[in-house]
Amino acid sequence: MMQNSFDFALALPEILLLILAAGVLIFDSFNKTEARHNTFVLSQLSLILVALAIAWQWNSDVSGSSFSGLYVVDSLSHFLKLLSCIAVSVTLLYGRQYAEQREMVERGGELYSLTLMALLGQLLMISAGNLLMVFLGVELMSFALYALVAIRRENVAATEAAMKYFILGALSSGVLLYGLSMIYGATGFLDLGLIAKVISSGQANHLALVFGVVFVVSGLAFKLTAAPFHMWTPDVYQGSPTTVTLVIAAAPKLAAIAITLRLLIEGLHGIALDWQPMLMLMAVLSLVVGNLTALMQTNFKRMLAYSTISHMGFIFLGLLSGVGAEAAQADSLTGFIRQLIGQDVAMANFAYGSALFYGVIYVLTTLSTFGLILVLSRKGFECENISDLKGLNRRHPMLALLLLLSMFSLAGIPPMAGFYAKLSVLQAVVGAGHISIAIVAVLMSLVGAFYYIRVVKAAYFDEAETDVLDQPLQIGVVAKAILAVNGALIILFGILPGGLMEISMRVIQESLRF
């Protein structure tokens, strides 16, 4: 255990990533090739080096806090940082050809350097032990993502999506910052551990604290694309170049889950009664709005955006269940409140672990789904509508199989990984006594299964309306291998989910104090 106030060794992955991202930017300024192959290779090497540094820290059991508590390193941070690096690496692998064909890297390799800077913001969010670090990480990630959405300046849809994302993102950042400042004003501390102590001692200004929590949860809901703060998601997903859509849709979700866990579970657990109803309302709204609206979509990217909203509802269900283990036995509001706070730790670990497991499986499946869109698109043709997938099985049976695995996993059909993810969250919800919410979640999952199966039907049973996909696909060997591994993992974690679930619960147990 390292205890130095300024232990730079703890922040090795972030320092290394900052240096390497700057190196990629400088190198690219001298790289005049249109395809930016060398910049791509250097970015991938950077990600591998950072991932190795994180794996070394995890294997060496490096943990502790640095910079006077601003920065925290524990099992949860190692786990999520490693997955974030892998997700970004896979995203760039899938999206490289798409970016080259749309001249996204012709004038410079900003796609790669900005993606690395967004990852740096995500790593800081994951290790945030202080309100200030939470905000700095969120802003660093957000500004890089705003610029990435607008990377095709001549494209009207991308420019419009970038403006919408920037304006709403700035608004949500203001809301989050206002909430964080109110929590600081109510407790007198920025450190999450000290905030938790002040709340448990009863010395905090409760009214100001509650108002602060309302603003903070609203800001977090925007980052997690949860209803009713989801309005930007469909437009940004549809308007962004698909490579950038995947950059937004995959790894940032892991960072958003991490700061939600640290803020609500570790820092603000003492006032769980005040934020739990908000999570409950947003979870139900996300499930209903996401699934019912996705039913009406014909654009595949837009449908996936609405399905993302519904999946965030499931993650919220796991988070709120951790503080309701004994709620079923409550016979009064006061008793309910007391029992919420006096939760069963094992049940809470399972609930938070199931939310984390769900988030990991969601990112895994999102990578394969958008990876398919990327490899099926080509210059002059965007594979964005569900009708574009018609007859896919007859032309590319392996890609159709991967699409089937991804859709079945998102729908929660066994034996795919998504089935166990949904099952574990529902077990946590039922264990916490929220039977009616579990029923709503099951009903909405059935609604969701309809539009996922509709995509599979188009790929396997409908006649193609265009002959564009009859042309041979140009998929690199590495991208093809990663797609195969991605599909295999969806089945593997569905049949043998125990290992990943055990890791998810262990990192929660070792890292969070509640």
Protein backbone atom coordinates (compact mmCIF):
# COMPACT_ATOMS: atom_id res chain seq x y z
CA MET A 1 0.00 0.00 0.00
CA MET A 2 1.47 3.35 -1.04
CA GLN A 3 0.66 6.31 1.23
CA ASN A 4 2.61 9.26 -0.22
CA SER A 5 0.53 12.42 -0.77
CA PHE A 6 2.13 12.95 -4.18
CA ASP A 7 2.89 9.47 -5.42
CA PHE A 8 3.30 9.87 -9.16
CA ALA A 9 3.86 6.12 -9.57
CA LEU A 10 0.18 5.52 -8.76
CA ALA A 11 -0.81 7.69 -11.72
CA LEU A 12 1.60 5.91 -14.08
CA PRO A 13 -1.09 4.90 -16.66
CA GLU A 14 -2.47 8.45 -16.95
CA ILE A 15 0.99 10.08 -17.11
CA LEU A 16 2.08 7.54 -19.71
CA LEU A 17 -1.09 8.07 -21.75
CA LEU A 18 -0.70 11.87 -21.63
CA ILE A 19 2.90 11.65 -22.89
CA LEU A 20 2.01 9.13 -25.59
CA ALA A 21 -1.07 11.08 -26.77
CA ALA A 22 1.07 14.21 -27.08
CA GLY A 23 3.67 12.11 -28.92
CA VAL A 24 1.01 10.84 -31.34
CA LEU A 25 -0.11 14.43 -31.99
CA ILE A 26 3.45 15.65 -32.65
CA PHE A 27 4.30 12.63 -34.79
CA ASP A 28 1.14 13.12 -36.85
CA SER A 29 2.07 16.71 -37.63
CA PHE A 30 5.06 15.32 -39.58
CA ASN A 31 3.07 12.44 -41.08
CA LYS A 32 1.75 13.62 -44.44
CA THR A 33 0.29 10.34 -45.73
CA GLU A 34 -3.46 10.43 -46.39
CA ALA A 35 -4.25 7.14 -44.62
CA ARG A 36 -2.25 7.96 -41.45
CA HIS A 37 -1.24 4.31 -41.06
CA ASN A 38 1.73 5.15 -38.88
CA THR A 39 -0.39 7.34 -36.61
CA PHE A 40 -2.86 4.48 -36.24
CA VAL A 41 -0.08 2.01 -35.38
CA LEU A 42 1.45 4.44 -32.87
CA SER A 43 -1.96 4.95 -31.23
CA GLN A 44 -2.44 1.20 -30.90
CA LEU A 45 1.06 0.81 -29.42
CA SER A 46 0.23 3.58 -26.95
CA LEU A 47 -2.91 1.76 -25.86
CA ILE A 48 -1.00 -1.50 -25.46
CA LEU A 49 1.67 0.20 -23.31
CA VAL A 50 -0.94 1.86 -21.08
CA ALA A 51 -2.86 -1.43 -20.77
CA LEU A 52 0.37 -3.22 -19.78
CA ALA A 53 1.09 -0.56 -17.14
CA ILE A 54 -2.41 -1.01 -15.69
CA ALA A 55 -2.10 -4.82 -15.75
CA TRP A 56 1.29 -4.58 -14.01
CA GLN A 57 -0.17 -2.35 -11.28
CA TRP A 58 -3.11 -4.71 -10.79
CA ASN A 59 -0.88 -7.80 -10.71
CA SER A 60 1.48 -6.08 -8.24
CA ASP A 61 -1.46 -5.15 -6.01
CA VAL A 62 -0.64 -1.45 -6.29
CA SER A 63 -3.32 0.60 -4.54
CA GLY A 64 -3.80 3.75 -2.50
CA SER A 65 -4.50 7.43 -2.98
CA SER A 66 -2.32 10.25 -4.22
CA PHE A 67 -2.37 14.03 -4.71
CA SER A 68 -4.01 14.53 -1.30
CA GLY A 69 -6.88 12.18 -2.06
CA LEU A 70 -7.69 13.57 -5.51
CA TYR A 71 -6.69 10.35 -7.17
CA VAL A 72 -7.56 6.79 -6.07
CA VAL A 73 -6.12 3.51 -7.30
CA ASP A 74 -7.87 0.26 -6.35
CA SER A 75 -9.15 -2.96 -7.89
CA LEU A 76 -12.18 -1.24 -9.41
CA SER A 77 -9.99 1.34 -11.16
CA HIS A 78 -7.59 -1.34 -12.48
CA PHE A 79 -10.47 -3.42 -13.83
CA LEU A 80 -12.35 -0.60 -15.56
CA LYS A 81 -9.22 1.12 -16.90
CA LEU A 82 -8.01 -2.10 -18.48
CA LEU A 83 -11.41 -2.69 -20.10
CA SER A 84 -11.52 0.94 -21.31
CA CYS A 85 -8.13 0.59 -23.04
CA ILE A 86 -9.26 -2.64 -24.72
CA ALA A 87 -12.57 -1.07 -25.79
CA VAL A 88 -10.82 1.97 -27.33
CA SER A 89 -8.27 -0.23 -29.10
CA VAL A 90 -11.04 -2.40 -30.61
CA THR A 91 -13.00 0.74 -31.57
CA LEU A 92 -10.05 2.11 -33.55
CA LEU A 93 -9.46 -1.27 -35.19
CA TYR A 94 -13.07 -1.51 -36.35
CA GLY A 95 -13.28 2.13 -37.38
CA ARG A 96 -9.95 2.59 -39.16
CA GLN A 97 -11.13 1.65 -42.67
CA TYR A 98 -14.38 3.60 -42.28
CA ALA A 99 -12.42 6.71 -41.25
CA GLU A 100 -10.00 6.41 -44.15
CA GLN A 101 -12.77 6.00 -46.74
CA ARG A 102 -14.60 9.13 -45.46
CA GLU A 103 -11.46 11.32 -45.47
CA MET A 104 -11.68 11.63 -41.66
CA VAL A 105 -7.91 11.29 -41.36
CA GLU A 106 -6.89 12.85 -44.66
CA ARG A 107 -6.12 16.27 -43.21
CA GLY A 108 -4.69 14.99 -39.93
CA GLY A 109 -4.81 12.20 -37.37
CA GLU A 110 -6.96 14.08 -34.87
CA LEU A 111 -9.29 11.07 -34.73
CA TYR A 112 -6.57 9.09 -32.96
CA SER A 113 -5.12 11.80 -30.71
CA LEU A 114 -8.57 13.04 -29.61
CA THR A 115 -9.68 9.48 -28.88
CA LEU A 116 -6.61 9.02 -26.68
CA MET A 117 -7.36 12.31 -24.87
CA ALA A 118 -10.97 11.19 -24.33
CA LEU A 119 -9.59 7.97 -22.85
CA LEU A 120 -7.35 10.02 -20.53
CA GLY A 121 -10.45 11.81 -19.24
CA GLN A 122 -12.14 8.45 -18.71
CA LEU A 123 -9.18 7.10 -16.72
CA LEU A 124 -9.24 10.20 -14.50
CA MET A 125 -12.99 9.76 -13.94
CA ILE A 126 -12.47 6.11 -12.97
CA SER A 127 -9.80 7.07 -10.39
CA ALA A 128 -11.57 10.15 -9.05
CA GLY A 129 -11.56 10.31 -5.25
CA ASN A 130 -12.56 13.94 -5.08
CA LEU A 131 -15.35 16.11 -6.52
CA LEU A 132 -12.79 18.26 -8.33
CA MET A 133 -11.25 15.25 -10.08
CA VAL A 134 -14.73 14.02 -11.07
CA PHE A 135 -15.43 17.29 -12.87
CA LEU A 136 -11.98 17.55 -14.47
CA GLY A 137 -12.24 14.01 -15.83
CA VAL A 138 -15.76 14.57 -17.17
CA GLU A 139 -14.76 17.80 -18.94
CA LEU A 140 -11.56 16.39 -20.44
CA MET A 141 -13.50 13.46 -21.88
CA SER A 142 -16.43 15.61 -23.03
CA PHE A 143 -14.39 18.24 -24.90
CA ALA A 144 -12.52 15.54 -26.81
CA LEU A 145 -15.82 13.86 -27.73
CA TYR A 146 -17.42 17.16 -28.87
CA ALA A 147 -14.50 17.70 -31.25
CA LEU A 148 -14.66 14.11 -32.49
CA VAL A 149 -18.36 14.40 -33.40
CA ALA A 150 -17.54 17.46 -35.53
CA ILE A 151 -14.50 15.86 -37.18
CA ARG A 152 -16.27 15.81 -40.59
CA ARG A 153 -16.73 19.56 -40.79
CA GLU A 154 -18.23 19.47 -44.28
CA ASN A 155 -20.97 17.02 -43.22
CA VAL A 156 -24.16 18.88 -42.20
CA ALA A 157 -25.52 16.03 -40.05
CA ALA A 158 -22.25 15.68 -38.13
CA THR A 159 -21.99 19.44 -37.56
CA GLU A 160 -25.57 19.60 -36.32
CA ALA A 161 -24.97 16.62 -34.02
CA ALA A 162 -21.81 18.24 -32.66
CA MET A 163 -23.62 21.51 -31.91
CA LYS A 164 -26.44 19.69 -30.16
CA TYR A 165 -24.01 17.52 -28.19
CA PHE A 166 -21.89 20.53 -27.19
CA ILE A 167 -24.80 22.73 -26.06
CA LEU A 168 -26.59 20.00 -24.10
CA GLY A 169 -23.28 18.65 -22.77
CA ALA A 170 -22.28 22.13 -21.54
CA LEU A 171 -25.68 22.46 -19.87
CA SER A 172 -25.30 19.10 -18.13
CA SER A 173 -21.75 20.00 -17.03
CA GLY A 174 -23.12 23.19 -15.50
CA VAL A 175 -25.80 21.19 -13.68
CA LEU A 176 -23.20 18.69 -12.44
CA LEU A 177 -20.83 21.46 -11.30
CA TYR A 178 -23.64 23.27 -9.49
CA GLY A 179 -24.57 20.05 -7.69
CA LEU A 180 -20.94 19.35 -6.72
CA SER A 181 -20.54 22.89 -5.38
CA MET A 182 -23.71 22.50 -3.27
CA ILE A 183 -22.39 19.24 -1.82
CA TYR A 184 -19.12 21.02 -0.99
CA GLY A 185 -21.07 23.84 0.62
CA ALA A 186 -23.18 21.40 2.65
CA THR A 187 -20.28 19.28 3.91
CA GLY A 188 -17.22 21.53 3.69
CA PHE A 189 -15.16 18.88 1.89
CA LEU A 190 -14.35 17.82 -1.65
CA ASP A 191 -12.92 14.40 -0.75
CA LEU A 192 -15.52 11.64 -1.14
CA GLY A 193 -14.38 9.77 1.99
CA LEU A 194 -14.59 12.92 4.15
CA ILE A 195 -17.99 13.80 2.66
CA ALA A 196 -19.26 10.34 3.68
CA LYS A 197 -17.96 10.86 7.24
CA VAL A 198 -19.61 14.28 7.59
CA ILE A 199 -22.92 12.87 6.35
CA SER A 200 -22.78 9.90 8.72
CA SER A 201 -22.00 12.22 11.65
CA GLY A 202 -25.13 14.25 10.88
CA GLN A 203 -23.20 17.55 10.64
CA ALA A 204 -24.01 18.25 6.99
CA ASN A 205 -26.60 20.80 5.90
CA HIS A 206 -29.21 18.30 4.80
CA LEU A 207 -31.34 20.60 2.64
CA ALA A 208 -28.37 21.89 0.64
CA LEU A 209 -27.04 18.35 0.37
CA VAL A 210 -30.31 17.05 -1.05
CA PHE A 211 -30.46 19.84 -3.63
CA GLY A 212 -26.86 19.09 -4.55
CA VAL A 213 -27.63 15.40 -4.99
CA VAL A 214 -30.56 16.20 -7.29
CA PHE A 215 -28.28 18.22 -9.59
CA VAL A 216 -25.46 15.64 -9.43
CA VAL A 217 -27.74 12.71 -10.29
CA SER A 218 -29.18 14.73 -13.19
CA GLY A 219 -25.67 15.42 -14.53
CA LEU A 220 -24.68 11.77 -14.19
CA ALA A 221 -27.89 10.67 -15.93
CA PHE A 222 -26.89 12.79 -18.95
CA LYS A 223 -23.51 11.09 -19.16
CA LEU A 224 -25.18 7.67 -18.83
CA THR A 225 -27.87 8.61 -21.40
CA ALA A 226 -30.67 7.81 -18.97
CA ALA A 227 -34.21 9.19 -19.40
CA PRO A 228 -35.37 11.95 -19.07
CA PHE A 229 -31.87 13.33 -19.86
CA HIS A 230 -31.51 11.25 -23.01
CA MET A 231 -32.69 13.68 -25.71
CA TRP A 232 -29.24 14.19 -27.22
CA THR A 233 -28.50 10.48 -27.66
CA PRO A 234 -30.45 9.49 -30.83
CA ASP A 235 -29.43 12.61 -32.78
CA VAL A 236 -25.76 12.37 -31.81
CA TYR A 237 -25.59 8.62 -32.46
CA GLN A 238 -27.21 9.04 -35.88
CA GLY A 239 -25.43 12.23 -36.93
CA SER A 240 -21.90 11.24 -35.87
CA PRO A 241 -19.60 9.26 -38.16
CA THR A 242 -20.08 5.64 -37.05
CA THR A 243 -16.49 5.36 -35.80
CA VAL A 244 -17.13 8.30 -33.48
CA THR A 245 -20.50 6.87 -32.46
CA LEU A 246 -18.68 3.79 -31.23
CA VAL A 247 -16.10 5.93 -29.39
CA ILE A 248 -19.03 7.60 -27.55
CA ALA A 249 -21.13 4.46 -27.05
CA ALA A 250 -18.56 2.04 -25.61
CA ALA A 251 -15.71 3.00 -23.23
CA PRO A 252 -17.25 6.23 -21.76
CA LYS A 253 -20.06 4.14 -20.27
CA LEU A 254 -17.51 2.32 -18.07
CA ALA A 255 -16.17 5.64 -16.76
CA ALA A 256 -19.71 6.94 -16.15
CA ILE A 257 -20.53 3.79 -14.13
CA ALA A 258 -17.31 4.26 -12.13
CA ILE A 259 -18.05 7.86 -11.07
CA THR A 260 -21.67 6.94 -10.30
CA LEU A 261 -20.44 4.17 -8.00
CA ARG A 262 -17.87 6.39 -6.33
CA LEU A 263 -20.14 9.42 -5.92
CA LEU A 264 -23.40 7.79 -4.90
CA ILE A 265 -22.31 4.56 -3.24
CA GLU A 266 -19.08 5.67 -1.59
CA GLY A 267 -19.52 9.41 -1.02
CA LEU A 268 -23.29 9.88 -0.69
CA HIS A 269 -24.41 6.53 0.65
CA GLY A 270 -25.53 8.14 3.91
CA ILE A 271 -28.37 9.92 2.10
CA ALA A 272 -29.34 6.96 -0.08
CA LEU A 273 -32.99 7.61 0.69
CA ASP A 274 -32.78 10.90 -1.19
CA TRP A 275 -31.15 9.63 -4.38
CA GLN A 276 -32.63 6.15 -4.54
CA PRO A 277 -36.15 7.33 -5.61
CA MET A 278 -34.52 9.40 -8.36
CA LEU A 279 -32.65 6.35 -9.65
CA MET A 280 -35.84 4.33 -9.43
CA LEU A 281 -37.81 6.87 -11.46
CA MET A 282 -35.05 7.24 -14.07
CA ALA A 283 -34.63 3.45 -14.33
CA VAL A 284 -38.33 2.90 -15.07
CA LEU A 285 -38.48 5.90 -17.45
CA SER A 286 -35.38 4.69 -19.30
CA LEU A 287 -36.82 1.19 -19.71
CA VAL A 288 -40.19 2.45 -20.94
CA VAL A 289 -39.04 5.37 -23.12
CA GLY A 290 -36.03 3.53 -24.55
CA ASN A 291 -37.85 0.34 -25.52
CA LEU A 292 -41.14 1.85 -26.73
CA THR A 293 -39.39 4.49 -28.86
CA ALA A 294 -36.90 2.01 -30.30
CA LEU A 295 -39.87 0.01 -31.63
CA MET A 296 -40.68 2.78 -34.12
CA GLN A 297 -37.17 3.28 -35.49
CA THR A 298 -36.10 2.21 -38.97
CA ASN A 299 -32.61 3.67 -38.69
CA PHE A 300 -30.35 1.04 -37.09
CA LYS A 301 -28.06 3.54 -35.32
CA ARG A 302 -31.04 5.44 -33.95
CA MET A 303 -32.63 2.19 -32.75
CA LEU A 304 -29.40 1.28 -30.96
CA ALA A 305 -29.34 4.73 -29.35
CA TYR A 306 -32.80 4.18 -27.86
CA SER A 307 -31.85 0.66 -26.81
CA THR A 308 -28.83 2.16 -25.01
CA ILE A 309 -31.24 4.26 -22.95
CA SER A 310 -33.14 1.13 -21.94
CA HIS A 311 -29.90 -0.67 -20.98
CA MET A 312 -28.91 2.25 -18.76
CA GLY A 313 -32.23 1.67 -17.00
CA PHE A 314 -31.06 -1.85 -16.13
CA ILE A 315 -27.76 -0.51 -14.75
CA PHE A 316 -29.69 1.94 -12.56
CA LEU A 317 -31.83 -0.96 -11.32
CA GLY A 318 -28.69 -2.76 -10.12
CA LEU A 319 -27.38 0.38 -8.40
CA LEU A 320 -30.62 1.17 -6.57
CA SER A 321 -31.07 -2.44 -5.45
CA GLY A 322 -27.90 -2.31 -3.38
CA VAL A 323 -29.57 -0.05 -0.85
CA GLY A 324 -32.87 -1.91 -0.69
CA ALA A 325 -31.97 -5.42 0.42
CA GLU A 326 -34.43 -5.47 3.27
CA ALA A 327 -37.00 -3.10 1.84
CA ALA A 328 -39.51 -5.88 1.28
CA GLN A 329 -39.93 -6.27 5.02
CA ALA A 330 -40.43 -2.59 5.73
CA ASP A 331 -43.87 -1.83 7.14
CA SER A 332 -43.60 1.94 7.37
CA LEU A 333 -41.79 4.79 5.70
CA THR A 334 -39.52 5.28 8.71
CA GLY A 335 -38.78 1.59 8.93
CA PHE A 336 -38.17 1.54 5.21
CA ILE A 337 -35.65 4.38 5.55
CA ARG A 338 -33.80 2.69 8.37
CA GLN A 339 -33.68 -0.63 6.64
CA LEU A 340 -32.35 1.01 3.47
CA ILE A 341 -29.38 2.35 5.36
CA GLY A 342 -28.88 -0.83 7.38
CA GLN A 343 -28.53 -2.98 4.29
CA ASP A 344 -27.09 -6.41 3.98
CA VAL A 345 -23.54 -5.99 2.70
CA ALA A 346 -23.43 -9.26 0.75
CA MET A 347 -26.65 -8.39 -1.05
CA ALA A 348 -25.35 -4.92 -1.79
CA ASN A 349 -22.12 -6.36 -3.22
CA PHE A 350 -24.15 -8.62 -5.48
CA ALA A 351 -26.38 -5.75 -6.62
CA TYR A 352 -23.49 -3.40 -7.43
CA GLY A 353 -21.54 -6.29 -8.96
CA SER A 354 -24.49 -7.16 -11.19
CA ALA A 355 -24.73 -3.51 -12.36
CA LEU A 356 -21.01 -3.53 -13.15
CA PHE A 357 -21.29 -6.91 -14.93
CA TYR A 358 -24.21 -5.57 -16.96
CA GLY A 359 -22.18 -2.53 -18.00
CA VAL A 360 -19.23 -4.67 -19.14
CA ILE A 361 -21.46 -6.99 -21.17
CA TYR A 362 -23.24 -3.99 -22.70
CA VAL A 363 -19.92 -2.52 -23.86
CA LEU A 364 -18.82 -5.91 -25.25
CA THR A 365 -22.04 -6.25 -27.27
CA THR A 366 -22.01 -2.63 -28.41
CA LEU A 367 -18.52 -3.13 -29.84
CA SER A 368 -19.67 -6.08 -31.94
CA THR A 369 -22.87 -4.34 -33.12
CA PHE A 370 -21.25 -1.10 -34.23
CA GLY A 371 -18.24 -3.09 -35.49
CA LEU A 372 -20.62 -4.81 -37.90
CA ILE A 373 -22.05 -1.51 -39.11
CA LEU A 374 -18.52 -0.25 -39.68
CA VAL A 375 -17.32 -3.22 -41.72
CA LEU A 376 -20.55 -3.36 -43.77
CA SER A 377 -20.36 0.35 -44.64
CA ARG A 378 -18.17 1.46 -47.52
CA LYS A 379 -17.40 4.58 -49.48
CA GLY A 380 -20.67 5.95 -50.82
CA PHE A 381 -22.79 3.59 -48.74
CA GLU A 382 -23.72 3.90 -45.07
CA CYS A 383 -25.14 0.71 -43.60
CA GLU A 384 -27.38 2.60 -41.19
CA ASN A 385 -30.94 1.44 -41.86
CA ILE A 386 -32.39 -1.89 -40.78
CA SER A 387 -33.43 -2.45 -44.41
CA ASP A 388 -29.73 -2.33 -45.39
CA LEU A 389 -29.26 -5.60 -43.50
CA LYS A 390 -31.82 -7.53 -45.55
CA GLY A 391 -30.40 -10.72 -47.05
CA LEU A 392 -27.16 -10.41 -45.10
CA ASN A 393 -27.12 -14.14 -44.29
CA ARG A 394 -27.05 -15.12 -47.98
CA ARG A 395 -24.13 -12.79 -48.74
CA HIS A 396 -22.07 -12.87 -45.53
CA PRO A 397 -23.24 -15.71 -43.25
CA MET A 398 -20.52 -15.20 -40.62
CA LEU A 399 -21.39 -11.52 -40.23
CA ALA A 400 -25.08 -12.44 -40.06
CA LEU A 401 -24.26 -14.91 -37.29
CA LEU A 402 -22.38 -12.22 -35.36
CA LEU A 403 -25.37 -9.89 -35.81
CA LEU A 404 -27.67 -12.62 -34.47
CA LEU A 405 -25.42 -13.17 -31.42
CA SER A 406 -25.30 -9.44 -30.69
CA MET A 407 -29.05 -8.89 -31.07
CA PHE A 408 -29.93 -11.96 -28.98
CA SER A 409 -27.51 -10.80 -26.28
CA LEU A 410 -29.01 -7.29 -26.21
CA ALA A 411 -32.48 -8.85 -26.07
CA GLY A 412 -31.44 -11.12 -23.19
CA ILE A 413 -32.08 -14.42 -24.99
CA PRO A 414 -30.16 -17.43 -23.58
CA PRO A 415 -27.44 -18.59 -23.82
CA MET A 416 -26.00 -15.16 -24.71
CA ALA A 417 -24.16 -13.04 -22.16
CA GLY A 418 -26.96 -10.47 -22.07
CA PHE A 419 -29.33 -13.07 -20.63
CA TYR A 420 -27.23 -13.66 -17.52
CA ALA A 421 -26.60 -9.91 -17.17
CA LYS A 422 -30.34 -9.19 -17.13
CA LEU A 423 -31.00 -12.19 -14.87
CA SER A 424 -28.44 -11.10 -12.26
CA VAL A 425 -29.84 -7.55 -12.17
CA LEU A 426 -33.39 -8.89 -11.83
CA GLN A 427 -32.27 -11.18 -9.00
CA ALA A 428 -30.84 -8.14 -7.21
CA VAL A 429 -34.04 -6.16 -7.80
CA VAL A 430 -36.24 -8.97 -6.47
CA GLY A 431 -33.85 -9.52 -3.55
CA ALA A 432 -34.25 -5.85 -2.64
CA GLY A 433 -38.02 -6.27 -2.63
CA HIS A 434 -38.82 -4.18 -5.71
CA ILE A 435 -41.13 -6.79 -7.24
CA SER A 436 -43.25 -4.34 -9.23
CA ILE A 437 -40.15 -2.76 -10.81
CA ALA A 438 -38.83 -6.21 -11.70
CA ILE A 439 -42.12 -6.96 -13.48
CA VAL A 440 -41.85 -3.69 -15.45
CA ALA A 441 -38.25 -4.58 -16.39
CA VAL A 442 -39.31 -8.03 -17.63
CA LEU A 443 -42.21 -6.60 -19.66
CA MET A 444 -39.97 -3.96 -21.23
CA SER A 445 -37.37 -6.63 -22.02
CA LEU A 446 -40.06 -8.52 -23.92
CA VAL A 447 -40.86 -5.34 -25.87
CA GLY A 448 -37.14 -4.90 -26.55
CA ALA A 449 -36.84 -8.46 -27.82
CA PHE A 450 -39.30 -7.59 -30.60
CA TYR A 451 -37.18 -4.93 -32.27
CA TYR A 452 -33.94 -6.90 -31.82
CA ILE A 453 -35.51 -9.96 -33.43
CA ARG A 454 -36.85 -7.72 -36.22
CA VAL A 455 -33.23 -6.95 -37.14
CA VAL A 456 -32.37 -10.68 -37.17
CA LYS A 457 -35.43 -11.35 -39.34
CA ALA A 458 -34.23 -8.77 -41.87
CA ALA A 459 -30.80 -10.39 -42.04
CA TYR A 460 -32.05 -14.00 -42.34
CA PHE A 461 -35.47 -13.97 -43.98
CA ASP A 462 -35.92 -10.77 -46.03
CA GLU A 463 -34.85 -10.21 -49.61
CA ALA A 464 -32.15 -7.62 -50.16
CA GLU A 465 -33.29 -4.26 -51.58
CA THR A 466 -29.81 -3.19 -52.67
CA ASP A 467 -26.94 -4.98 -54.33
CA VAL A 468 -24.26 -2.86 -52.67
CA LEU A 469 -23.46 -5.55 -50.10
CA ASP A 470 -22.98 -8.12 -52.91
CA GLN A 471 -19.62 -6.51 -53.53
CA PRO A 472 -16.77 -8.26 -51.70
CA LEU A 473 -16.03 -6.76 -48.30
CA GLN A 474 -12.60 -5.41 -47.48
CA ILE A 475 -12.07 -6.48 -43.87
CA GLY A 476 -8.55 -6.65 -42.49
CA VAL A 477 -7.34 -9.91 -40.98
CA VAL A 478 -6.95 -8.35 -37.54
CA ALA A 479 -10.43 -6.77 -37.62
CA LYS A 480 -11.88 -10.10 -38.79
CA ALA A 481 -10.16 -11.94 -35.91
CA ILE A 482 -11.33 -9.35 -33.36
CA LEU A 483 -14.91 -9.64 -34.66
CA ALA A 484 -14.71 -13.45 -34.23
CA VAL A 485 -13.31 -13.11 -30.69
CA ASN A 486 -15.98 -10.52 -29.88
CA GLY A 487 -18.75 -12.90 -30.95
CA ALA A 488 -17.15 -15.84 -29.12
CA LEU A 489 -16.97 -13.83 -25.87
CA ILE A 490 -20.69 -13.04 -26.11
CA ILE A 491 -21.40 -16.78 -26.06
CA LEU A 492 -18.64 -17.62 -23.56
CA PHE A 493 -19.83 -15.11 -20.94
CA GLY A 494 -23.36 -16.38 -21.49
CA ILE A 495 -22.48 -20.04 -20.87
CA LEU A 496 -19.76 -19.42 -18.27
CA PRO A 497 -20.52 -16.06 -16.65
CA GLY A 498 -19.14 -17.04 -13.23
CA GLY A 499 -15.56 -15.79 -13.72
CA LEU A 500 -16.47 -12.29 -14.91
CA MET A 501 -19.26 -11.99 -12.33
CA GLU A 502 -16.86 -13.03 -9.57
CA ILE A 503 -14.33 -10.39 -10.68
CA SER A 504 -17.08 -7.74 -10.81
CA MET A 505 -18.20 -8.54 -7.27
CA ARG A 506 -14.63 -8.83 -5.96
CA VAL A 507 -13.54 -5.42 -7.26
CA ILE A 508 -16.66 -3.87 -5.71
CA GLN A 509 -15.95 -5.56 -2.38
CA GLU A 510 -12.27 -4.57 -2.39
CA SER A 511 -12.76 -0.99 -3.54
CA LEU A 512 -16.00 0.57 -2.30
CA ARG A 513 -16.64 1.52 1.31
CA PHE A 514 -20.30 1.82 2.22
